[in-house]
Amino acid sequence: MKKEEFLLALEDVLQMEDPLTEDQILTELDEWDSLSKMAVMAYYKKNFGIAINLNDLKDIQSVQDLIEIAGDNISD
């Protein structure tokens, strides 16, 4: 998956109206709540086969952190 595709999918998962950038700090988003975290966990499991738990999400600060978790599943 291309990075642009991931950003669009993440905007959809988070139900964002504004576009996301890689350096966006998630805790600054009103949309970054417990429901959106659950949605991100489900998205990673379904699309990448990566299981993320709530403890993992505590260390995630930015969209770039989410990209890094996906690893080789996301390309430039």
PDB file of N, CA and C in Angstrom:
ATOM      1  N   MET A   1       0.850  -1.171   0.000  1.00  0.00           N
ATOM      2  CA  MET A   1       0.000   0.000   0.000  1.00  0.00           C
ATOM      3  C   MET A   1       0.898   1.238   0.000  1.00  0.00           C
ATOM      4  N   LYS A   2       0.532   2.183  -0.809  1.00  0.00           N
ATOM      5  CA  LYS A   2       1.264   3.456  -0.845  1.00  0.00           C
ATOM      6  C   LYS A   2       0.904   4.295   0.386  1.00  0.00           C
ATOM      7  N   LYS A   3       1.845   5.151   0.775  1.00  0.00           N
ATOM      8  CA  LYS A   3       1.644   5.992   1.948  1.00  0.00           C
ATOM      9  C   LYS A   3       0.407   6.883   1.800  1.00  0.00           C
ATOM     10  N   GLU A   4       0.187   7.415   0.587  1.00  0.00           N
ATOM     11  CA  GLU A   4      -0.976   8.268   0.356  1.00  0.00           C
ATOM     12  C   GLU A   4      -2.269   7.488   0.566  1.00  0.00           C
ATOM     13  N   GLU A   5      -2.297   6.230   0.107  1.00  0.00           N
ATOM     14  CA  GLU A   5      -3.471   5.384   0.298  1.00  0.00           C
ATOM     15  C   GLU A   5      -3.714   5.127   1.784  1.00  0.00           C
ATOM     16  N   PHE A   6      -2.634   4.895   2.513  1.00  0.00           N
ATOM     17  CA  PHE A   6      -2.763   4.661   3.954  1.00  0.00           C
ATOM     18  C   PHE A   6      -3.323   5.889   4.657  1.00  0.00           C
ATOM     19  N   LEU A   7      -2.814   7.059   4.305  1.00  0.00           N
ATOM     20  CA  LEU A   7      -3.292   8.287   4.940  1.00  0.00           C
ATOM     21  C   LEU A   7      -4.780   8.493   4.672  1.00  0.00           C
ATOM     22  N   LEU A   8      -5.219   8.222   3.453  1.00  0.00           N
ATOM     23  CA  LEU A   8      -6.641   8.348   3.127  1.00  0.00           C
ATOM     24  C   LEU A   8      -7.472   7.334   3.910  1.00  0.00           C
ATOM     25  N   ALA A   9      -6.973   6.101   3.995  1.00  0.00           N
ATOM     26  CA  ALA A   9      -7.688   5.069   4.754  1.00  0.00           C
ATOM     27  C   ALA A   9      -7.752   5.440   6.232  1.00  0.00           C
ATOM     28  N   LEU A  10      -6.660   5.971   6.771  1.00  0.00           N
ATOM     29  CA  LEU A  10      -6.639   6.367   8.176  1.00  0.00           C
ATOM     30  C   LEU A  10      -7.597   7.528   8.436  1.00  0.00           C
ATOM     31  N   GLU A  11      -7.675   8.456   7.495  1.00  0.00           N
ATOM     32  CA  GLU A  11      -8.649   9.545   7.617  1.00  0.00           C
ATOM     33  C   GLU A  11     -10.055   8.979   7.706  1.00  0.00           C
ATOM     34  N   ASP A  12     -10.331   7.957   6.907  1.00  0.00           N
ATOM     35  CA  ASP A  12     -11.638   7.319   6.923  1.00  0.00           C
ATOM     36  C   ASP A  12     -11.877   6.598   8.250  1.00  0.00           C
ATOM     37  N   VAL A  13     -10.888   5.851   8.711  1.00  0.00           N
ATOM     38  CA  VAL A  13     -11.000   5.116   9.972  1.00  0.00           C
ATOM     39  C   VAL A  13     -11.253   6.080  11.136  1.00  0.00           C
ATOM     40  N   LEU A  14     -10.566   7.197  11.127  1.00  0.00           N
ATOM     41  CA  LEU A  14     -10.703   8.180  12.208  1.00  0.00           C
ATOM     42  C   LEU A  14     -11.872   9.138  11.983  1.00  0.00           C
ATOM     43  N   GLN A  15     -12.533   8.999  10.836  1.00  0.00           N
ATOM     44  CA  GLN A  15     -13.649   9.870  10.474  1.00  0.00           C
ATOM     45  C   GLN A  15     -13.228  11.336  10.488  1.00  0.00           C
ATOM     46  N   MET A  16     -12.096  11.580   9.837  1.00  0.00           N
ATOM     47  CA  MET A  16     -11.529  12.927   9.763  1.00  0.00           C
ATOM     48  C   MET A  16     -12.159  13.706   8.616  1.00  0.00           C
ATOM     49  N   GLU A  17     -12.319  14.994   8.814  1.00  0.00           N
ATOM     50  CA  GLU A  17     -12.766  15.862   7.737  1.00  0.00           C
ATOM     51  C   GLU A  17     -11.575  16.522   7.056  1.00  0.00           C
ATOM     52  N   ASP A  18     -10.502  16.738   7.809  1.00  0.00           N
ATOM     53  CA  ASP A  18      -9.302  17.361   7.268  1.00  0.00           C
ATOM     54  C   ASP A  18      -8.268  16.295   6.928  1.00  0.00           C
ATOM     55  N   PRO A  19      -7.416  16.574   5.938  1.00  0.00           N
ATOM     56  CA  PRO A  19      -6.393  15.589   5.580  1.00  0.00           C
ATOM     57  C   PRO A  19      -5.351  15.412   6.689  1.00  0.00           C
ATOM     58  N   LEU A  20      -4.829  14.201   6.774  1.00  0.00           N
ATOM     59  CA  LEU A  20      -3.770  13.893   7.740  1.00  0.00           C
ATOM     60  C   LEU A  20      -2.407  14.019   7.076  1.00  0.00           C
ATOM     61  N   THR A  21      -1.412  14.325   7.889  1.00  0.00           N
ATOM     62  CA  THR A  21      -0.030  14.319   7.427  1.00  0.00           C
ATOM     63  C   THR A  21       0.756  13.359   8.303  1.00  0.00           C
ATOM     64  N   GLU A  22       1.908  12.964   7.828  1.00  0.00           N
ATOM     65  CA  GLU A  22       2.743  12.009   8.564  1.00  0.00           C
ATOM     66  C   GLU A  22       3.151  12.545   9.929  1.00  0.00           C
ATOM     67  N   ASP A  23       3.375  13.844  10.032  1.00  0.00           N
ATOM     68  CA  ASP A  23       3.855  14.414  11.290  1.00  0.00           C
ATOM     69  C   ASP A  23       2.728  14.845  12.229  1.00  0.00           C
ATOM     70  N   GLN A  24       1.479  14.545  11.855  1.00  0.00           N
ATOM     71  CA  GLN A  24       0.338  14.893  12.697  1.00  0.00           C
ATOM     72  C   GLN A  24       0.434  14.174  14.040  1.00  0.00           C
ATOM     73  N   ILE A  25       0.293  14.924  15.124  1.00  0.00           N
ATOM     74  CA  ILE A  25       0.296  14.355  16.468  1.00  0.00           C
ATOM     75  C   ILE A  25      -1.129  13.895  16.784  1.00  0.00           C
ATOM     76  N   LEU A  26      -1.265  12.607  17.042  1.00  0.00           N
ATOM     77  CA  LEU A  26      -2.595  12.016  17.217  1.00  0.00           C
ATOM     78  C   LEU A  26      -3.331  12.557  18.436  1.00  0.00           C
ATOM     79  N   THR A  27      -2.613  12.801  19.519  1.00  0.00           N
ATOM     80  CA  THR A  27      -3.279  13.279  20.736  1.00  0.00           C
ATOM     81  C   THR A  27      -3.844  14.689  20.574  1.00  0.00           C
ATOM     82  N   GLU A  28      -3.431  15.388  19.533  1.00  0.00           N
ATOM     83  CA  GLU A  28      -3.963  16.722  19.263  1.00  0.00           C
ATOM     84  C   GLU A  28      -5.284  16.676  18.496  1.00  0.00           C
ATOM     85  N   LEU A  29      -5.664  15.474  18.044  1.00  0.00           N
ATOM     86  CA  LEU A  29      -6.888  15.322  17.262  1.00  0.00           C
ATOM     87  C   LEU A  29      -8.075  15.024  18.170  1.00  0.00           C
ATOM     88  N   ASP A  30      -9.170  15.722  17.954  1.00  0.00           N
ATOM     89  CA  ASP A  30     -10.399  15.424  18.690  1.00  0.00           C
ATOM     90  C   ASP A  30     -10.873  14.008  18.391  1.00  0.00           C
ATOM     91  N   GLU A  31     -10.588  13.541  17.171  1.00  0.00           N
ATOM     92  CA  GLU A  31     -11.036  12.217  16.741  1.00  0.00           C
ATOM     93  C   GLU A  31     -10.271  11.072  17.392  1.00  0.00           C
ATOM     94  N   TRP A  32      -9.126  11.339  18.001  1.00  0.00           N
ATOM     95  CA  TRP A  32      -8.294  10.293  18.596  1.00  0.00           C
ATOM     96  C   TRP A  32      -8.833   9.961  19.981  1.00  0.00           C
ATOM     97  N   ASP A  33      -9.829   9.084  20.012  1.00  0.00           N
ATOM     98  CA  ASP A  33     -10.438   8.669  21.263  1.00  0.00           C
ATOM     99  C   ASP A  33     -10.437   7.143  21.343  1.00  0.00           C
ATOM    100  N   SER A  34     -11.068   6.606  22.352  1.00  0.00           N
ATOM    101  CA  SER A  34     -11.031   5.157  22.546  1.00  0.00           C
ATOM    102  C   SER A  34     -11.680   4.401  21.391  1.00  0.00           C
ATOM    103  N   LEU A  35     -12.742   4.946  20.826  1.00  0.00           N
ATOM    104  CA  LEU A  35     -13.389   4.277  19.693  1.00  0.00           C
ATOM    105  C   LEU A  35     -12.503   4.273  18.458  1.00  0.00           C
ATOM    106  N   SER A  36     -11.822   5.381  18.207  1.00  0.00           N
ATOM    107  CA  SER A  36     -10.941   5.426  17.040  1.00  0.00           C
ATOM    108  C   SER A  36      -9.731   4.518  17.236  1.00  0.00           C
ATOM    109  N   LYS A  37      -9.267   4.377  18.460  1.00  0.00           N
ATOM    110  CA  LYS A  37      -8.155   3.465  18.727  1.00  0.00           C
ATOM    111  C   LYS A  37      -8.571   2.027  18.440  1.00  0.00           C
ATOM    112  N   MET A  38      -9.787   1.674  18.829  1.00  0.00           N
ATOM    113  CA  MET A  38     -10.297   0.339  18.532  1.00  0.00           C
ATOM    114  C   MET A  38     -10.412   0.135  17.018  1.00  0.00           C
ATOM    115  N   ALA A  39     -10.847   1.174  16.318  1.00  0.00           N
ATOM    116  CA  ALA A  39     -10.979   1.092  14.864  1.00  0.00           C
ATOM    117  C   ALA A  39      -9.610   0.923  14.207  1.00  0.00           C
ATOM    118  N   VAL A  40      -8.597   1.611  14.713  1.00  0.00           N
ATOM    119  CA  VAL A  40      -7.236   1.471  14.184  1.00  0.00           C
ATOM    120  C   VAL A  40      -6.725   0.057  14.436  1.00  0.00           C
ATOM    121  N   MET A  41      -6.989  -0.474  15.608  1.00  0.00           N
ATOM    122  CA  MET A  41      -6.574  -1.841  15.919  1.00  0.00           C
ATOM    123  C   MET A  41      -7.216  -2.828  14.945  1.00  0.00           C
ATOM    124  N   ALA A  42      -8.503  -2.661  14.683  1.00  0.00           N
ATOM    125  CA  ALA A  42      -9.209  -3.545  13.748  1.00  0.00           C
ATOM    126  C   ALA A  42      -8.680  -3.374  12.329  1.00  0.00           C
ATOM    127  N   TYR A  43      -8.387  -2.137  11.939  1.00  0.00           N
ATOM    128  CA  TYR A  43      -7.861  -1.866  10.600  1.00  0.00           C
ATOM    129  C   TYR A  43      -6.521  -2.571  10.383  1.00  0.00           C
ATOM    130  N   TYR A  44      -5.635  -2.486  11.355  1.00  0.00           N
ATOM    131  CA  TYR A  44      -4.315  -3.127  11.234  1.00  0.00           C
ATOM    132  C   TYR A  44      -4.444  -4.646  11.162  1.00  0.00           C
ATOM    133  N   LYS A  45      -5.334  -5.205  11.958  1.00  0.00           N
ATOM    134  CA  LYS A  45      -5.535  -6.656  11.953  1.00  0.00           C
ATOM    135  C   LYS A  45      -6.073  -7.111  10.598  1.00  0.00           C
ATOM    136  N   LYS A  46      -7.072  -6.401  10.093  1.00  0.00           N
ATOM    137  CA  LYS A  46      -7.714  -6.784   8.837  1.00  0.00           C
ATOM    138  C   LYS A  46      -6.807  -6.564   7.626  1.00  0.00           C
ATOM    139  N   ASN A  47      -6.143  -5.427   7.558  1.00  0.00           N
ATOM    140  CA  ASN A  47      -5.397  -5.053   6.357  1.00  0.00           C
ATOM    141  C   ASN A  47      -3.938  -5.494   6.354  1.00  0.00           C
ATOM    142  N   PHE A  48      -3.338  -5.619   7.522  1.00  0.00           N
ATOM    143  CA  PHE A  48      -1.919  -5.949   7.585  1.00  0.00           C
ATOM    144  C   PHE A  48      -1.632  -7.237   8.347  1.00  0.00           C
ATOM    145  N   GLY A  49      -2.645  -7.780   9.025  1.00  0.00           N
ATOM    146  CA  GLY A  49      -2.423  -8.969   9.842  1.00  0.00           C
ATOM    147  C   GLY A  49      -1.579  -8.675  11.071  1.00  0.00           C
ATOM    148  N   ILE A  50      -1.596  -7.421  11.506  1.00  0.00           N
ATOM    149  CA  ILE A  50      -0.803  -6.985  12.658  1.00  0.00           C
ATOM    150  C   ILE A  50      -1.749  -6.734  13.831  1.00  0.00           C
ATOM    151  N   ALA A  51      -1.489  -7.422  14.934  1.00  0.00           N
ATOM    152  CA  ALA A  51      -2.303  -7.234  16.133  1.00  0.00           C
ATOM    153  C   ALA A  51      -1.686  -6.127  16.990  1.00  0.00           C
ATOM    154  N   ILE A  52      -2.452  -5.085  17.186  1.00  0.00           N
ATOM    155  CA  ILE A  52      -2.044  -3.968  18.050  1.00  0.00           C
ATOM    156  C   ILE A  52      -2.979  -3.991  19.255  1.00  0.00           C
ATOM    157  N   ASN A  53      -2.420  -3.777  20.442  1.00  0.00           N
ATOM    158  CA  ASN A  53      -3.282  -3.699  21.627  1.00  0.00           C
ATOM    159  C   ASN A  53      -3.228  -2.273  22.199  1.00  0.00           C
ATOM    160  N   LEU A  54      -4.047  -2.034  23.187  1.00  0.00           N
ATOM    161  CA  LEU A  54      -4.118  -0.681  23.756  1.00  0.00           C
ATOM    162  C   LEU A  54      -2.800  -0.236  24.368  1.00  0.00           C
ATOM    163  N   ASN A  55      -2.035  -1.170  24.917  1.00  0.00           N
ATOM    164  CA  ASN A  55      -0.716  -0.800  25.452  1.00  0.00           C
ATOM    165  C   ASN A  55       0.210  -0.309  24.353  1.00  0.00           C
ATOM    166  N   ASP A  56       0.138  -0.934  23.168  1.00  0.00           N
ATOM    167  CA  ASP A  56       0.936  -0.470  22.031  1.00  0.00           C
ATOM    168  C   ASP A  56       0.546   0.952  21.653  1.00  0.00           C
ATOM    169  N   LEU A  57      -0.737   1.237  21.683  1.00  0.00           N
ATOM    170  CA  LEU A  57      -1.220   2.557  21.282  1.00  0.00           C
ATOM    171  C   LEU A  57      -0.807   3.654  22.250  1.00  0.00           C
ATOM    172  N   LYS A  58      -0.501   3.307  23.477  1.00  0.00           N
ATOM    173  CA  LYS A  58      -0.049   4.316  24.449  1.00  0.00           C
ATOM    174  C   LYS A  58       1.273   4.951  24.011  1.00  0.00           C
ATOM    175  N   ASP A  59       2.104   4.168  23.304  1.00  0.00           N
ATOM    176  CA  ASP A  59       3.405   4.664  22.862  1.00  0.00           C
ATOM    177  C   ASP A  59       3.338   5.404  21.527  1.00  0.00           C
ATOM    178  N   ILE A  60       2.211   5.334  20.857  1.00  0.00           N
ATOM    179  CA  ILE A  60       2.064   5.954  19.541  1.00  0.00           C
ATOM    180  C   ILE A  60       1.687   7.421  19.722  1.00  0.00           C
ATOM    181  N   GLN A  61       2.499   8.280  19.138  1.00  0.00           N
ATOM    182  CA  GLN A  61       2.267   9.714  19.261  1.00  0.00           C
ATOM    183  C   GLN A  61       1.801  10.357  17.960  1.00  0.00           C
ATOM    184  N   SER A  62       2.297   9.847  16.829  1.00  0.00           N
ATOM    185  CA  SER A  62       2.042  10.512  15.552  1.00  0.00           C
ATOM    186  C   SER A  62       1.587   9.517  14.489  1.00  0.00           C
ATOM    187  N   VAL A  63       1.127  10.065  13.384  1.00  0.00           N
ATOM    188  CA  VAL A  63       0.768   9.232  12.236  1.00  0.00           C
ATOM    189  C   VAL A  63       2.004   8.477  11.763  1.00  0.00           C
ATOM    190  N   GLN A  64       3.169   9.096  11.823  1.00  0.00           N
ATOM    191  CA  GLN A  64       4.412   8.431  11.428  1.00  0.00           C
ATOM    192  C   GLN A  64       4.642   7.173  12.263  1.00  0.00           C
ATOM    193  N   ASP A  65       4.316   7.212  13.533  1.00  0.00           N
ATOM    194  CA  ASP A  65       4.439   6.022  14.388  1.00  0.00           C
ATOM    195  C   ASP A  65       3.557   4.892  13.866  1.00  0.00           C
ATOM    196  N   LEU A  66       2.345   5.228  13.410  1.00  0.00           N
ATOM    197  CA  LEU A  66       1.448   4.215  12.846  1.00  0.00           C
ATOM    198  C   LEU A  66       2.021   3.641  11.553  1.00  0.00           C
ATOM    199  N   ILE A  67       2.632   4.494  10.759  1.00  0.00           N
ATOM    200  CA  ILE A  67       3.260   4.044   9.512  1.00  0.00           C
ATOM    201  C   ILE A  67       4.395   3.080   9.830  1.00  0.00           C
ATOM    202  N   GLU A  68       5.194   3.402  10.830  1.00  0.00           N
ATOM    203  CA  GLU A  68       6.318   2.541  11.199  1.00  0.00           C
ATOM    204  C   GLU A  68       5.847   1.178  11.697  1.00  0.00           C
ATOM    205  N   ILE A  69       4.724   1.122  12.406  1.00  0.00           N
ATOM    206  CA  ILE A  69       4.197  -0.151  12.877  1.00  0.00           C
ATOM    207  C   ILE A  69       3.824  -1.032  11.693  1.00  0.00           C
ATOM    208  N   ALA A  70       3.296  -0.433  10.645  1.00  0.00           N
ATOM    209  CA  ALA A  70       2.896  -1.196   9.457  1.00  0.00           C
ATOM    210  C   ALA A  70       4.111  -1.718   8.697  1.00  0.00           C
ATOM    211  N   GLY A  71       5.268  -1.100   8.905  1.00  0.00           N
ATOM    212  CA  GLY A  71       6.505  -1.564   8.301  1.00  0.00           C
ATOM    213  C   GLY A  71       6.464  -1.624   6.792  1.00  0.00           C
ATOM    214  N   ASP A  72       6.819  -2.776   6.237  1.00  0.00           N
ATOM    215  CA  ASP A  72       6.912  -2.945   4.786  1.00  0.00           C
ATOM    216  C   ASP A  72       5.548  -2.965   4.093  1.00  0.00           C
ATOM    217  N   ASN A  73       4.483  -2.959   4.868  1.00  0.00           N
ATOM    218  CA  ASN A  73       3.141  -2.937   4.280  1.00  0.00           C
ATOM    219  C   ASN A  73       2.822  -1.596   3.632  1.00  0.00           C
ATOM    220  N   ILE A  74       3.586  -0.558   3.996  1.00  0.00           N
ATOM    221  CA  ILE A  74       3.380   0.776   3.445  1.00  0.00           C
ATOM    222  C   ILE A  74       4.671   1.222   2.770  1.00  0.00           C
ATOM    223  N   SER A  75       4.533   1.654   1.519  1.00  0.00           N
ATOM    224  CA  SER A  75       5.701   2.122   0.773  1.00  0.00           C
ATOM    225  C   SER A  75       5.502   3.583   0.384  1.00  0.00           C
ATOM    226  N   ASP A  76       6.612   4.208   0.018  1.00  0.00           N
ATOM    227  CA  ASP A  76       6.559   5.606  -0.415  1.00  0.00           C
ATOM    228  C   ASP A  76       5.844   5.654  -1.741  1.00  0.00           C
TER     229      ASP A  76
END
